[in-house]
Amino acid sequence: MDENAIAKIIVDTAYRIHKELGPGLFESVYESVFEYELTNEYGLFVQRQPTLPVIWREIKLDLGFKPDMIIANKVIIELKSVETVLPVHYKQLLTYLKLTGLKLGLLINFNNALIKNGIKRVVNGL
């Protein structure tokens, strides 16, 4: 399954979750439900809050960073439940994509009246 097919599943899942739960819950709630849905409904491999090292000049630094979710080793999801998504949130996701070598990330903010307004694609050479 390629990145775009996985992204479609993620967007559809975000829509269903938002429709049922609505906006305003903690990020961790949406993250748990996302993991359940993607694993049980679609059989996708989900890494939740994986600690990944930073490689600096061939040195592996175990300081790590933690993207919210990596789906099928192909797509990063950054979940938010905030009033306003800031430019730094996009930059954070783009940095995660660059550090992992992955090509597609989705920034999903559940704190919107319409979830379609809270989903943004971020690409790294896709």
PDB file of N, CA and C in Angstrom:
ATOM      1  N   MET A   1       0.852  -1.173   0.000  1.00  0.00           N
ATOM      2  CA  MET A   1       0.000   0.000   0.000  1.00  0.00           C
ATOM      3  C   MET A   1       0.901   1.241   0.000  1.00  0.00           C
ATOM      4  N   ASP A   2       0.622   2.197  -0.888  1.00  0.00           N
ATOM      5  CA  ASP A   2       1.455   3.394  -0.954  1.00  0.00           C
ATOM      6  C   ASP A   2       0.962   4.472   0.011  1.00  0.00           C
ATOM      7  N   GLU A   3       1.736   5.567   0.090  1.00  0.00           N
ATOM      8  CA  GLU A   3       1.436   6.646   1.030  1.00  0.00           C
ATOM      9  C   GLU A   3       0.044   7.241   0.820  1.00  0.00           C
ATOM     10  N   ASN A   4      -0.337   7.427  -0.428  1.00  0.00           N
ATOM     11  CA  ASN A   4      -1.635   8.052  -0.692  1.00  0.00           C
ATOM     12  C   ASN A   4      -2.801   7.166  -0.288  1.00  0.00           C
ATOM     13  N   ALA A   5      -2.672   5.867  -0.471  1.00  0.00           N
ATOM     14  CA  ALA A   5      -3.727   4.939  -0.042  1.00  0.00           C
ATOM     15  C   ALA A   5      -3.845   4.937   1.485  1.00  0.00           C
ATOM     16  N   ILE A   6      -2.706   4.967   2.159  1.00  0.00           N
ATOM     17  CA  ILE A   6      -2.706   5.022   3.627  1.00  0.00           C
ATOM     18  C   ILE A   6      -3.309   6.349   4.088  1.00  0.00           C
ATOM     19  N   ALA A   7      -2.950   7.439   3.420  1.00  0.00           N
ATOM     20  CA  ALA A   7      -3.482   8.760   3.784  1.00  0.00           C
ATOM     21  C   ALA A   7      -5.000   8.800   3.645  1.00  0.00           C
ATOM     22  N   LYS A   8      -5.529   8.159   2.625  1.00  0.00           N
ATOM     23  CA  LYS A   8      -6.987   8.123   2.452  1.00  0.00           C
ATOM     24  C   LYS A   8      -7.653   7.418   3.631  1.00  0.00           C
ATOM     25  N   ILE A   9      -7.073   6.301   4.059  1.00  0.00           N
ATOM     26  CA  ILE A   9      -7.605   5.580   5.220  1.00  0.00           C
ATOM     27  C   ILE A   9      -7.538   6.465   6.466  1.00  0.00           C
ATOM     28  N   ILE A  10      -6.426   7.171   6.635  1.00  0.00           N
ATOM     29  CA  ILE A  10      -6.249   8.045   7.802  1.00  0.00           C
ATOM     30  C   ILE A  10      -7.279   9.169   7.793  1.00  0.00           C
ATOM     31  N   VAL A  11      -7.481   9.810   6.647  1.00  0.00           N
ATOM     32  CA  VAL A  11      -8.448  10.903   6.548  1.00  0.00           C
ATOM     33  C   VAL A  11      -9.863  10.394   6.810  1.00  0.00           C
ATOM     34  N   ASP A  12     -10.218   9.262   6.228  1.00  0.00           N
ATOM     35  CA  ASP A  12     -11.546   8.686   6.473  1.00  0.00           C
ATOM     36  C   ASP A  12     -11.734   8.357   7.946  1.00  0.00           C
ATOM     37  N   THR A  13     -10.693   7.832   8.568  1.00  0.00           N
ATOM     38  CA  THR A  13     -10.754   7.488   9.999  1.00  0.00           C
ATOM     39  C   THR A  13     -10.894   8.745  10.841  1.00  0.00           C
ATOM     40  N   ALA A  14     -10.152   9.797  10.502  1.00  0.00           N
ATOM     41  CA  ALA A  14     -10.253  11.067  11.228  1.00  0.00           C
ATOM     42  C   ALA A  14     -11.680  11.618  11.146  1.00  0.00           C
ATOM     43  N   TYR A  15     -12.270  11.517   9.971  1.00  0.00           N
ATOM     44  CA  TYR A  15     -13.641  11.983   9.783  1.00  0.00           C
ATOM     45  C   TYR A  15     -14.605  11.223  10.703  1.00  0.00           C
ATOM     46  N   ARG A  16     -14.481   9.888  10.711  1.00  0.00           N
ATOM     47  CA  ARG A  16     -15.380   9.073  11.545  1.00  0.00           C
ATOM     48  C   ARG A  16     -15.195   9.374  13.034  1.00  0.00           C
ATOM     49  N   ILE A  17     -13.939   9.496  13.450  1.00  0.00           N
ATOM     50  CA  ILE A  17     -13.664   9.783  14.864  1.00  0.00           C
ATOM     51  C   ILE A  17     -14.242  11.145  15.241  1.00  0.00           C
ATOM     52  N   HIS A  18     -14.004  12.135  14.405  1.00  0.00           N
ATOM     53  CA  HIS A  18     -14.485  13.488  14.690  1.00  0.00           C
ATOM     54  C   HIS A  18     -16.012  13.537  14.708  1.00  0.00           C
ATOM     55  N   LYS A  19     -16.622  12.820  13.793  1.00  0.00           N
ATOM     56  CA  LYS A  19     -18.093  12.791  13.724  1.00  0.00           C
ATOM     57  C   LYS A  19     -18.679  12.189  15.001  1.00  0.00           C
ATOM     58  N   GLU A  20     -18.036  11.140  15.500  1.00  0.00           N
ATOM     59  CA  GLU A  20     -18.561  10.454  16.679  1.00  0.00           C
ATOM     60  C   GLU A  20     -18.193  11.143  17.989  1.00  0.00           C
ATOM     61  N   LEU A  21     -16.936  11.571  18.129  1.00  0.00           N
ATOM     62  CA  LEU A  21     -16.481  12.145  19.392  1.00  0.00           C
ATOM     63  C   LEU A  21     -16.568  13.668  19.439  1.00  0.00           C
ATOM     64  N   GLY A  22     -16.459  14.299  18.280  1.00  0.00           N
ATOM     65  CA  GLY A  22     -16.485  15.755  18.230  1.00  0.00           C
ATOM     66  C   GLY A  22     -15.167  16.375  18.636  1.00  0.00           C
ATOM     67  N   PRO A  23     -15.087  17.702  18.582  1.00  0.00           N
ATOM     68  CA  PRO A  23     -13.864  18.412  18.955  1.00  0.00           C
ATOM     69  C   PRO A  23     -13.762  18.597  20.466  1.00  0.00           C
ATOM     70  N   GLY A  24     -12.567  18.986  20.920  1.00  0.00           N
ATOM     71  CA  GLY A  24     -12.405  19.428  22.303  1.00  0.00           C
ATOM     72  C   GLY A  24     -11.819  18.435  23.284  1.00  0.00           C
ATOM     73  N   LEU A  25     -11.568  17.192  22.866  1.00  0.00           N
ATOM     74  CA  LEU A  25     -10.968  16.225  23.786  1.00  0.00           C
ATOM     75  C   LEU A  25      -9.448  16.361  23.769  1.00  0.00           C
ATOM     76  N   PHE A  26      -8.790  15.708  24.710  1.00  0.00           N
ATOM     77  CA  PHE A  26      -7.330  15.702  24.726  1.00  0.00           C
ATOM     78  C   PHE A  26      -6.790  14.945  23.521  1.00  0.00           C
ATOM     79  N   GLU A  27      -5.615  15.367  23.074  1.00  0.00           N
ATOM     80  CA  GLU A  27      -4.918  14.695  21.977  1.00  0.00           C
ATOM     81  C   GLU A  27      -4.786  13.196  22.217  1.00  0.00           C
ATOM     82  N   SER A  28      -4.484  12.814  23.447  1.00  0.00           N
ATOM     83  CA  SER A  28      -4.240  11.408  23.772  1.00  0.00           C
ATOM     84  C   SER A  28      -5.485  10.545  23.520  1.00  0.00           C
ATOM     85  N   VAL A  29      -6.664  11.119  23.660  1.00  0.00           N
ATOM     86  CA  VAL A  29      -7.895  10.378  23.390  1.00  0.00           C
ATOM     87  C   VAL A  29      -7.986  10.061  21.904  1.00  0.00           C
ATOM     88  N   TYR A  30      -7.784  11.075  21.077  1.00  0.00           N
ATOM     89  CA  TYR A  30      -7.838  10.869  19.627  1.00  0.00           C
ATOM     90  C   TYR A  30      -6.749   9.890  19.175  1.00  0.00           C
ATOM     91  N   GLU A  31      -5.594   9.991  19.787  1.00  0.00           N
ATOM     92  CA  GLU A  31      -4.475   9.104  19.450  1.00  0.00           C
ATOM     93  C   GLU A  31      -4.811   7.652  19.762  1.00  0.00           C
ATOM     94  N   SER A  32      -5.397   7.408  20.914  1.00  0.00           N
ATOM     95  CA  SER A  32      -5.769   6.042  21.299  1.00  0.00           C
ATOM     96  C   SER A  32      -6.830   5.465  20.363  1.00  0.00           C
ATOM     97  N   VAL A  33      -7.835   6.273  20.038  1.00  0.00           N
ATOM     98  CA  VAL A  33      -8.895   5.809  19.146  1.00  0.00           C
ATOM     99  C   VAL A  33      -8.335   5.565  17.748  1.00  0.00           C
ATOM    100  N   PHE A  34      -7.462   6.462  17.274  1.00  0.00           N
ATOM    101  CA  PHE A  34      -6.816   6.282  15.974  1.00  0.00           C
ATOM    102  C   PHE A  34      -6.056   4.966  15.922  1.00  0.00           C
ATOM    103  N   GLU A  35      -5.253   4.705  16.941  1.00  0.00           N
ATOM    104  CA  GLU A  35      -4.481   3.461  16.978  1.00  0.00           C
ATOM    105  C   GLU A  35      -5.404   2.248  16.908  1.00  0.00           C
ATOM    106  N   TYR A  36      -6.457   2.279  17.696  1.00  0.00           N
ATOM    107  CA  TYR A  36      -7.407   1.167  17.701  1.00  0.00           C
ATOM    108  C   TYR A  36      -8.014   0.961  16.313  1.00  0.00           C
ATOM    109  N   GLU A  37      -8.507   2.031  15.722  1.00  0.00           N
ATOM    110  CA  GLU A  37      -9.178   1.938  14.418  1.00  0.00           C
ATOM    111  C   GLU A  37      -8.234   1.463  13.318  1.00  0.00           C
ATOM    112  N   LEU A  38      -7.049   2.061  13.240  1.00  0.00           N
ATOM    113  CA  LEU A  38      -6.121   1.702  12.163  1.00  0.00           C
ATOM    114  C   LEU A  38      -5.605   0.272  12.305  1.00  0.00           C
ATOM    115  N   THR A  39      -5.437  -0.174  13.540  1.00  0.00           N
ATOM    116  CA  THR A  39      -4.955  -1.531  13.781  1.00  0.00           C
ATOM    117  C   THR A  39      -6.056  -2.557  13.570  1.00  0.00           C
ATOM    118  N   ASN A  40      -7.207  -2.327  14.182  1.00  0.00           N
ATOM    119  CA  ASN A  40      -8.270  -3.329  14.175  1.00  0.00           C
ATOM    120  C   ASN A  40      -9.148  -3.305  12.926  1.00  0.00           C
ATOM    121  N   GLU A  41      -9.388  -2.136  12.383  1.00  0.00           N
ATOM    122  CA  GLU A  41     -10.248  -2.045  11.198  1.00  0.00           C
ATOM    123  C   GLU A  41      -9.489  -2.281   9.898  1.00  0.00           C
ATOM    124  N   TYR A  42      -8.218  -1.877   9.870  1.00  0.00           N
ATOM    125  CA  TYR A  42      -7.465  -1.926   8.616  1.00  0.00           C
ATOM    126  C   TYR A  42      -6.227  -2.807   8.675  1.00  0.00           C
ATOM    127  N   GLY A  43      -5.879  -3.296   9.851  1.00  0.00           N
ATOM    128  CA  GLY A  43      -4.713  -4.159   9.991  1.00  0.00           C
ATOM    129  C   GLY A  43      -3.393  -3.456   9.722  1.00  0.00           C
ATOM    130  N   LEU A  44      -3.372  -2.136   9.899  1.00  0.00           N
ATOM    131  CA  LEU A  44      -2.148  -1.382   9.649  1.00  0.00           C
ATOM    132  C   LEU A  44      -1.221  -1.452  10.860  1.00  0.00           C
ATOM    133  N   PHE A  45       0.071  -1.451  10.584  1.00  0.00           N
ATOM    134  CA  PHE A  45       1.082  -1.420  11.638  1.00  0.00           C
ATOM    135  C   PHE A  45       1.200   0.020  12.135  1.00  0.00           C
ATOM    136  N   VAL A  46       0.952   0.215  13.423  1.00  0.00           N
ATOM    137  CA  VAL A  46       0.950   1.549  14.012  1.00  0.00           C
ATOM    138  C   VAL A  46       2.018   1.621  15.089  1.00  0.00           C
ATOM    139  N   GLN A  47       2.898   2.607  14.955  1.00  0.00           N
ATOM    140  CA  GLN A  47       3.856   2.905  16.021  1.00  0.00           C
ATOM    141  C   GLN A  47       3.361   4.182  16.695  1.00  0.00           C
ATOM    142  N   ARG A  48       3.092   4.073  17.967  1.00  0.00           N
ATOM    143  CA  ARG A  48       2.566   5.220  18.712  1.00  0.00           C
ATOM    144  C   ARG A  48       3.661   5.797  19.593  1.00  0.00           C
ATOM    145  N   GLN A  49       3.930   7.075  19.408  1.00  0.00           N
ATOM    146  CA  GLN A  49       4.953   7.792  20.162  1.00  0.00           C
ATOM    147  C   GLN A  49       6.315   7.072  20.125  1.00  0.00           C
ATOM    148  N   PRO A  50       6.754   6.624  18.943  1.00  0.00           N
ATOM    149  CA  PRO A  50       8.051   5.944  18.907  1.00  0.00           C
ATOM    150  C   PRO A  50       9.186   6.931  19.177  1.00  0.00           C
ATOM    151  N   THR A  51      10.146   6.507  19.967  1.00  0.00           N
ATOM    152  CA  THR A  51      11.318   7.341  20.214  1.00  0.00           C
ATOM    153  C   THR A  51      12.337   7.023  19.142  1.00  0.00           C
ATOM    154  N   LEU A  52      12.653   8.023  18.337  1.00  0.00           N
ATOM    155  CA  LEU A  52      13.576   7.827  17.234  1.00  0.00           C
ATOM    156  C   LEU A  52      14.827   8.659  17.465  1.00  0.00           C
ATOM    157  N   PRO A  53      15.984   8.122  17.109  1.00  0.00           N
ATOM    158  CA  PRO A  53      17.231   8.866  17.330  1.00  0.00           C
ATOM    159  C   PRO A  53      17.414   9.961  16.279  1.00  0.00           C
ATOM    160  N   VAL A  54      18.265  10.891  16.600  1.00  0.00           N
ATOM    161  CA  VAL A  54      18.692  11.913  15.649  1.00  0.00           C
ATOM    162  C   VAL A  54      20.108  11.542  15.223  1.00  0.00           C
ATOM    163  N   ILE A  55      20.330  11.530  13.916  1.00  0.00           N
ATOM    164  CA  ILE A  55      21.664  11.230  13.397  1.00  0.00           C
ATOM    165  C   ILE A  55      22.334  12.553  13.042  1.00  0.00           C
ATOM    166  N   TRP A  56      23.463  12.787  13.663  1.00  0.00           N
ATOM    167  CA  TRP A  56      24.217  14.010  13.403  1.00  0.00           C
ATOM    168  C   TRP A  56      25.626  13.633  12.985  1.00  0.00           C
ATOM    169  N   ARG A  57      25.947  13.898  11.710  1.00  0.00           N
ATOM    170  CA  ARG A  57      27.282  13.614  11.167  1.00  0.00           C
ATOM    171  C   ARG A  57      27.736  12.204  11.483  1.00  0.00           C
ATOM    172  N   GLU A  58      26.843  11.261  11.173  1.00  0.00           N
ATOM    173  CA  GLU A  58      27.130   9.835  11.345  1.00  0.00           C
ATOM    174  C   GLU A  58      27.157   9.387  12.807  1.00  0.00           C
ATOM    175  N   ILE A  59      26.763  10.263  13.702  1.00  0.00           N
ATOM    176  CA  ILE A  59      26.687   9.917  15.119  1.00  0.00           C
ATOM    177  C   ILE A  59      25.214   9.779  15.479  1.00  0.00           C
ATOM    178  N   LYS A  60      24.883   8.665  16.095  1.00  0.00           N
ATOM    179  CA  LYS A  60      23.504   8.424  16.521  1.00  0.00           C
ATOM    180  C   LYS A  60      23.314   9.010  17.914  1.00  0.00           C
ATOM    181  N   LEU A  61      22.458  10.015  18.001  1.00  0.00           N
ATOM    182  CA  LEU A  61      22.159  10.651  19.276  1.00  0.00           C
ATOM    183  C   LEU A  61      20.841  10.094  19.793  1.00  0.00           C
ATOM    184  N   ASP A  62      20.883   9.447  20.913  1.00  0.00           N
ATOM    185  CA  ASP A  62      19.683   8.830  21.457  1.00  0.00           C
ATOM    186  C   ASP A  62      18.831   9.812  22.251  1.00  0.00           C
ATOM    187  N   LEU A  63      18.940  11.074  21.906  1.00  0.00           N
ATOM    188  CA  LEU A  63      18.081  12.072  22.529  1.00  0.00           C
ATOM    189  C   LEU A  63      16.650  11.841  22.076  1.00  0.00           C
ATOM    190  N   GLY A  64      16.544  11.513  20.830  1.00  0.00           N
ATOM    191  CA  GLY A  64      15.274  11.102  20.246  1.00  0.00           C
ATOM    192  C   GLY A  64      14.255  12.200  20.074  1.00  0.00           C
ATOM    193  N   PHE A  65      13.308  11.895  19.249  1.00  0.00           N
ATOM    194  CA  PHE A  65      12.138  12.723  19.059  1.00  0.00           C
ATOM    195  C   PHE A  65      10.964  11.763  18.947  1.00  0.00           C
ATOM    196  N   LYS A  66       9.777  12.260  19.200  1.00  0.00           N
ATOM    197  CA  LYS A  66       8.608  11.378  19.247  1.00  0.00           C
ATOM    198  C   LYS A  66       7.473  11.910  18.382  1.00  0.00           C
ATOM    199  N   PRO A  67       7.407  11.454  17.147  1.00  0.00           N
ATOM    200  CA  PRO A  67       6.211  11.776  16.376  1.00  0.00           C
ATOM    201  C   PRO A  67       5.017  11.068  17.027  1.00  0.00           C
ATOM    202  N   ASP A  68       3.840  11.619  16.883  1.00  0.00           N
ATOM    203  CA  ASP A  68       2.672  10.998  17.522  1.00  0.00           C
ATOM    204  C   ASP A  68       2.448   9.576  17.024  1.00  0.00           C
ATOM    205  N   MET A  69       2.447   9.392  15.695  1.00  0.00           N
ATOM    206  CA  MET A  69       2.215   8.052  15.147  1.00  0.00           C
ATOM    207  C   MET A  69       2.933   7.910  13.808  1.00  0.00           C
ATOM    208  N   ILE A  70       3.453   6.708  13.575  1.00  0.00           N
ATOM    209  CA  ILE A  70       3.955   6.347  12.254  1.00  0.00           C
ATOM    210  C   ILE A  70       3.132   5.151  11.802  1.00  0.00           C
ATOM    211  N   ILE A  71       2.536   5.284  10.621  1.00  0.00           N
ATOM    212  CA  ILE A  71       1.622   4.275  10.110  1.00  0.00           C
ATOM    213  C   ILE A  71       2.283   3.503   8.971  1.00  0.00           C
ATOM    214  N   ALA A  72       2.360   2.184   9.134  1.00  0.00           N
ATOM    215  CA  ALA A  72       2.890   1.277   8.105  1.00  0.00           C
ATOM    216  C   ALA A  72       4.285   1.680   7.645  1.00  0.00           C
ATOM    217  N   ASN A  73       5.053   2.288   8.513  1.00  0.00           N
ATOM    218  CA  ASN A  73       6.402   2.753   8.188  1.00  0.00           C
ATOM    219  C   ASN A  73       6.430   3.666   6.970  1.00  0.00           C
ATOM    220  N   LYS A  74       5.306   4.379   6.723  1.00  0.00           N
ATOM    221  CA  LYS A  74       5.235   5.226   5.527  1.00  0.00           C
ATOM    222  C   LYS A  74       4.677   6.622   5.759  1.00  0.00           C
ATOM    223  N   VAL A  75       3.789   6.785   6.731  1.00  0.00           N
ATOM    224  CA  VAL A  75       3.116   8.068   6.932  1.00  0.00           C
ATOM    225  C   VAL A  75       3.203   8.456   8.408  1.00  0.00           C
ATOM    226  N   ILE A  76       3.569   9.717   8.648  1.00  0.00           N
ATOM    227  CA  ILE A  76       3.596  10.235  10.017  1.00  0.00           C
ATOM    228  C   ILE A  76       2.315  11.035  10.254  1.00  0.00           C
ATOM    229  N   ILE A  77       1.711  10.813  11.410  1.00  0.00           N
ATOM    230  CA  ILE A  77       0.554  11.596  11.828  1.00  0.00           C
ATOM    231  C   ILE A  77       0.959  12.421  13.046  1.00  0.00           C
ATOM    232  N   GLU A  78       0.715  13.713  12.975  1.00  0.00           N
ATOM    233  CA  GLU A  78       0.851  14.586  14.134  1.00  0.00           C
ATOM    234  C   GLU A  78      -0.546  15.044  14.489  1.00  0.00           C
ATOM    235  N   LEU A  79      -0.991  14.691  15.669  1.00  0.00           N
ATOM    236  CA  LEU A  79      -2.337  15.041  16.121  1.00  0.00           C
ATOM    237  C   LEU A  79      -2.292  16.260  17.020  1.00  0.00           C
ATOM    238  N   LYS A  80      -3.272  17.113  16.850  1.00  0.00           N
ATOM    239  CA  LYS A  80      -3.419  18.294  17.691  1.00  0.00           C
ATOM    240  C   LYS A  80      -4.872  18.414  18.112  1.00  0.00           C
ATOM    241  N   SER A  81      -5.063  19.088  19.230  1.00  0.00           N
ATOM    242  CA  SER A  81      -6.395  19.479  19.667  1.00  0.00           C
ATOM    243  C   SER A  81      -6.245  20.881  20.250  1.00  0.00           C
ATOM    244  N   VAL A  82      -5.981  21.820  19.338  1.00  0.00           N
ATOM    245  CA  VAL A  82      -5.657  23.188  19.729  1.00  0.00           C
ATOM    246  C   VAL A  82      -6.557  24.172  18.999  1.00  0.00           C
ATOM    247  N   GLU A  83      -6.649  25.367  19.562  1.00  0.00           N
ATOM    248  CA  GLU A  83      -7.461  26.419  18.946  1.00  0.00           C
ATOM    249  C   GLU A  83      -6.922  26.795  17.571  1.00  0.00           C
ATOM    250  N   THR A  84      -5.604  26.946  17.476  1.00  0.00           N
ATOM    251  CA  THR A  84      -4.975  27.367  16.225  1.00  0.00           C
ATOM    252  C   THR A  84      -3.717  26.541  15.971  1.00  0.00           C
ATOM    253  N   VAL A  85      -3.612  26.015  14.773  1.00  0.00           N
ATOM    254  CA  VAL A  85      -2.378  25.341  14.357  1.00  0.00           C
ATOM    255  C   VAL A  85      -1.400  26.438  13.956  1.00  0.00           C
ATOM    256  N   LEU A  86      -0.212  26.374  14.517  1.00  0.00           N
ATOM    257  CA  LEU A  86       0.804  27.394  14.275  1.00  0.00           C
ATOM    258  C   LEU A  86       1.786  26.945  13.196  1.00  0.00           C
ATOM    259  N   PRO A  87       2.485  27.872  12.570  1.00  0.00           N
ATOM    260  CA  PRO A  87       3.494  27.500  11.575  1.00  0.00           C
ATOM    261  C   PRO A  87       4.536  26.517  12.113  1.00  0.00           C
ATOM    262  N   VAL A  88       4.854  26.593  13.382  1.00  0.00           N
ATOM    263  CA  VAL A  88       5.844  25.677  13.962  1.00  0.00           C
ATOM    264  C   VAL A  88       5.366  24.230  13.912  1.00  0.00           C
ATOM    265  N   HIS A  89       4.063  23.991  13.948  1.00  0.00           N
ATOM    266  CA  HIS A  89       3.537  22.628  13.881  1.00  0.00           C
ATOM    267  C   HIS A  89       3.834  21.997  12.518  1.00  0.00           C
ATOM    268  N   TYR A  90       3.706  22.785  11.453  1.00  0.00           N
ATOM    269  CA  TYR A  90       4.043  22.285  10.110  1.00  0.00           C
ATOM    270  C   TYR A  90       5.541  22.001  10.013  1.00  0.00           C
ATOM    271  N   LYS A  91       6.330  22.926  10.549  1.00  0.00           N
ATOM    272  CA  LYS A  91       7.788  22.762  10.507  1.00  0.00           C
ATOM    273  C   LYS A  91       8.226  21.541  11.302  1.00  0.00           C
ATOM    274  N   GLN A  92       7.584  21.306  12.429  1.00  0.00           N
ATOM    275  CA  GLN A  92       7.883  20.138  13.250  1.00  0.00           C
ATOM    276  C   GLN A  92       7.634  18.857  12.457  1.00  0.00           C
ATOM    277  N   LEU A  93       6.500  18.777  11.797  1.00  0.00           N
ATOM    278  CA  LEU A  93       6.178  17.592  11.015  1.00  0.00           C
ATOM    279  C   LEU A  93       7.144  17.429   9.847  1.00  0.00           C
ATOM    280  N   LEU A  94       7.482  18.513   9.177  1.00  0.00           N
ATOM    281  CA  LEU A  94       8.435  18.436   8.072  1.00  0.00           C
ATOM    282  C   LEU A  94       9.798  17.958   8.573  1.00  0.00           C
ATOM    283  N   THR A  95      10.218  18.416   9.734  1.00  0.00           N
ATOM    284  CA  THR A  95      11.481  17.949  10.321  1.00  0.00           C
ATOM    285  C   THR A  95      11.419  16.461  10.612  1.00  0.00           C
ATOM    286  N   TYR A  96      10.311  15.980  11.164  1.00  0.00           N
ATOM    287  CA  TYR A  96      10.145  14.545  11.410  1.00  0.00           C
ATOM    288  C   TYR A  96      10.265  13.751  10.113  1.00  0.00           C
ATOM    289  N   LEU A  97       9.647  14.264   9.052  1.00  0.00           N
ATOM    290  CA  LEU A  97       9.726  13.577   7.755  1.00  0.00           C
ATOM    291  C   LEU A  97      11.171  13.522   7.263  1.00  0.00           C
ATOM    292  N   LYS A  98      11.883  14.617   7.375  1.00  0.00           N
ATOM    293  CA  LYS A  98      13.272  14.657   6.915  1.00  0.00           C
ATOM    294  C   LYS A  98      14.154  13.714   7.726  1.00  0.00           C
ATOM    295  N   LEU A  99      13.955  13.706   9.038  1.00  0.00           N
ATOM    296  CA  LEU A  99      14.799  12.856   9.899  1.00  0.00           C
ATOM    297  C   LEU A  99      14.535  11.366   9.690  1.00  0.00           C
ATOM    298  N   THR A 100      13.313  11.018   9.326  1.00  0.00           N
ATOM    299  CA  THR A 100      12.985   9.602   9.111  1.00  0.00           C
ATOM    300  C   THR A 100      13.154   9.182   7.656  1.00  0.00           C
ATOM    301  N   GLY A 101      13.221  10.157   6.758  1.00  0.00           N
ATOM    302  CA  GLY A 101      13.276   9.833   5.335  1.00  0.00           C
ATOM    303  C   GLY A 101      11.914   9.487   4.754  1.00  0.00           C
ATOM    304  N   LEU A 102      10.856   9.673   5.536  1.00  0.00           N
ATOM    305  CA  LEU A 102       9.513   9.416   5.031  1.00  0.00           C
ATOM    306  C   LEU A 102       9.048  10.591   4.182  1.00  0.00           C
ATOM    307  N   LYS A 103       8.058  10.325   3.339  1.00  0.00           N
ATOM    308  CA  LYS A 103       7.654  11.313   2.353  1.00  0.00           C
ATOM    309  C   LYS A 103       6.355  12.044   2.661  1.00  0.00           C
ATOM    310  N   LEU A 104       5.502  11.471   3.505  1.00  0.00           N
ATOM    311  CA  LEU A 104       4.187  12.078   3.722  1.00  0.00           C
ATOM    312  C   LEU A 104       3.831  12.120   5.204  1.00  0.00           C
ATOM    313  N   GLY A 105       3.321  13.270   5.599  1.00  0.00           N
ATOM    314  CA  GLY A 105       2.815  13.437   6.952  1.00  0.00           C
ATOM    315  C   GLY A 105       1.461  14.117   6.913  1.00  0.00           C
ATOM    316  N   LEU A 106       0.647  13.828   7.900  1.00  0.00           N
ATOM    317  CA  LEU A 106      -0.653  14.487   8.035  1.00  0.00           C
ATOM    318  C   LEU A 106      -0.715  15.166   9.396  1.00  0.00           C
ATOM    319  N   LEU A 107      -0.997  16.447   9.373  1.00  0.00           N
ATOM    320  CA  LEU A 107      -1.202  17.218  10.583  1.00  0.00           C
ATOM    321  C   LEU A 107      -2.710  17.324  10.761  1.00  0.00           C
ATOM    322  N   ILE A 108      -3.216  16.744  11.844  1.00  0.00           N
ATOM    323  CA  ILE A 108      -4.661  16.677  12.054  1.00  0.00           C
ATOM    324  C   ILE A 108      -5.006  17.377  13.359  1.00  0.00           C
ATOM    325  N   ASN A 109      -5.786  18.454  13.246  1.00  0.00           N
ATOM    326  CA  ASN A 109      -6.249  19.184  14.417  1.00  0.00           C
ATOM    327  C   ASN A 109      -7.734  18.887  14.621  1.00  0.00           C
ATOM    328  N   PHE A 110      -8.045  18.173  15.692  1.00  0.00           N
ATOM    329  CA  PHE A 110      -9.424  17.788  15.971  1.00  0.00           C
ATOM    330  C   PHE A 110     -10.270  18.913  16.553  1.00  0.00           C
ATOM    331  N   ASN A 111      -9.646  20.025  16.893  1.00  0.00           N
ATOM    332  CA  ASN A 111     -10.391  21.116  17.520  1.00  0.00           C
ATOM    333  C   ASN A 111     -10.946  22.075  16.464  1.00  0.00           C
ATOM    334  N   ASN A 112     -11.665  21.521  15.504  1.00  0.00           N
ATOM    335  CA  ASN A 112     -12.327  22.276  14.439  1.00  0.00           C
ATOM    336  C   ASN A 112     -13.782  21.842  14.365  1.00  0.00           C
ATOM    337  N   ALA A 113     -14.644  22.763  13.978  1.00  0.00           N
ATOM    338  CA  ALA A 113     -16.045  22.398  13.796  1.00  0.00           C
ATOM    339  C   ALA A 113     -16.183  21.379  12.664  1.00  0.00           C
ATOM    340  N   LEU A 114     -15.397  21.558  11.597  1.00  0.00           N
ATOM    341  CA  LEU A 114     -15.363  20.616  10.477  1.00  0.00           C
ATOM    342  C   LEU A 114     -13.957  20.036  10.380  1.00  0.00           C
ATOM    343  N   ILE A 115     -13.842  18.728  10.458  1.00  0.00           N
ATOM    344  CA  ILE A 115     -12.521  18.092  10.463  1.00  0.00           C
ATOM    345  C   ILE A 115     -11.765  18.361   9.161  1.00  0.00           C
ATOM    346  N   LYS A 116     -12.475  18.541   8.048  1.00  0.00           N
ATOM    347  CA  LYS A 116     -11.781  18.798   6.784  1.00  0.00           C
ATOM    348  C   LYS A 116     -10.933  20.064   6.863  1.00  0.00           C
ATOM    349  N   ASN A 117     -11.308  21.005   7.728  1.00  0.00           N
ATOM    350  CA  ASN A 117     -10.517  22.222   7.915  1.00  0.00           C
ATOM    351  C   ASN A 117      -9.316  21.995   8.823  1.00  0.00           C
ATOM    352  N   GLY A 118      -9.255  20.831   9.457  1.00  0.00           N
ATOM    353  CA  GLY A 118      -8.174  20.553  10.395  1.00  0.00           C
ATOM    354  C   GLY A 118      -7.152  19.558   9.878  1.00  0.00           C
ATOM    355  N   ILE A 119      -7.244  19.161   8.618  1.00  0.00           N
ATOM    356  CA  ILE A 119      -6.318  18.167   8.071  1.00  0.00           C
ATOM    357  C   ILE A 119      -5.437  18.819   7.013  1.00  0.00           C
ATOM    358  N   LYS A 120      -4.133  18.739   7.216  1.00  0.00           N
ATOM    359  CA  LYS A 120      -3.173  19.307   6.276  1.00  0.00           C
ATOM    360  C   LYS A 120      -2.112  18.263   5.923  1.00  0.00           C
ATOM    361  N   ARG A 121      -1.832  18.149   4.631  1.00  0.00           N
ATOM    362  CA  ARG A 121      -0.768  17.265   4.137  1.00  0.00           C
ATOM    363  C   ARG A 121       0.554  18.019   4.167  1.00  0.00           C
ATOM    364  N   VAL A 122       1.589  17.339   4.611  1.00  0.00           N
ATOM    365  CA  VAL A 122       2.932  17.888   4.572  1.00  0.00           C
ATOM    366  C   VAL A 122       3.788  16.858   3.854  1.00  0.00           C
ATOM    367  N   VAL A 123       4.499  17.296   2.821  1.00  0.00           N
ATOM    368  CA  VAL A 123       5.272  16.343   2.023  1.00  0.00           C
ATOM    369  C   VAL A 123       6.764  16.648   2.067  1.00  0.00           C
ATOM    370  N   ASN A 124       7.525  15.589   1.885  1.00  0.00           N
ATOM    371  CA  ASN A 124       8.973  15.657   1.843  1.00  0.00           C
ATOM    372  C   ASN A 124       9.423  14.938   0.583  1.00  0.00           C
ATOM    373  N   GLY A 125       9.377  15.634  -0.544  1.00  0.00           N
ATOM    374  CA  GLY A 125       9.836  15.047  -1.802  1.00  0.00           C
ATOM    375  C   GLY A 125       8.886  14.028  -2.408  1.00  0.00           C
ATOM    376  N   LEU A 126       7.626  14.068  -2.074  1.00  0.00           N
ATOM    377  CA  LEU A 126       6.667  13.100  -2.618  1.00  0.00           C
ATOM    378  C   LEU A 126       6.181  13.559  -3.968  1.00  0.00           C
TER     379      LEU A 126
END
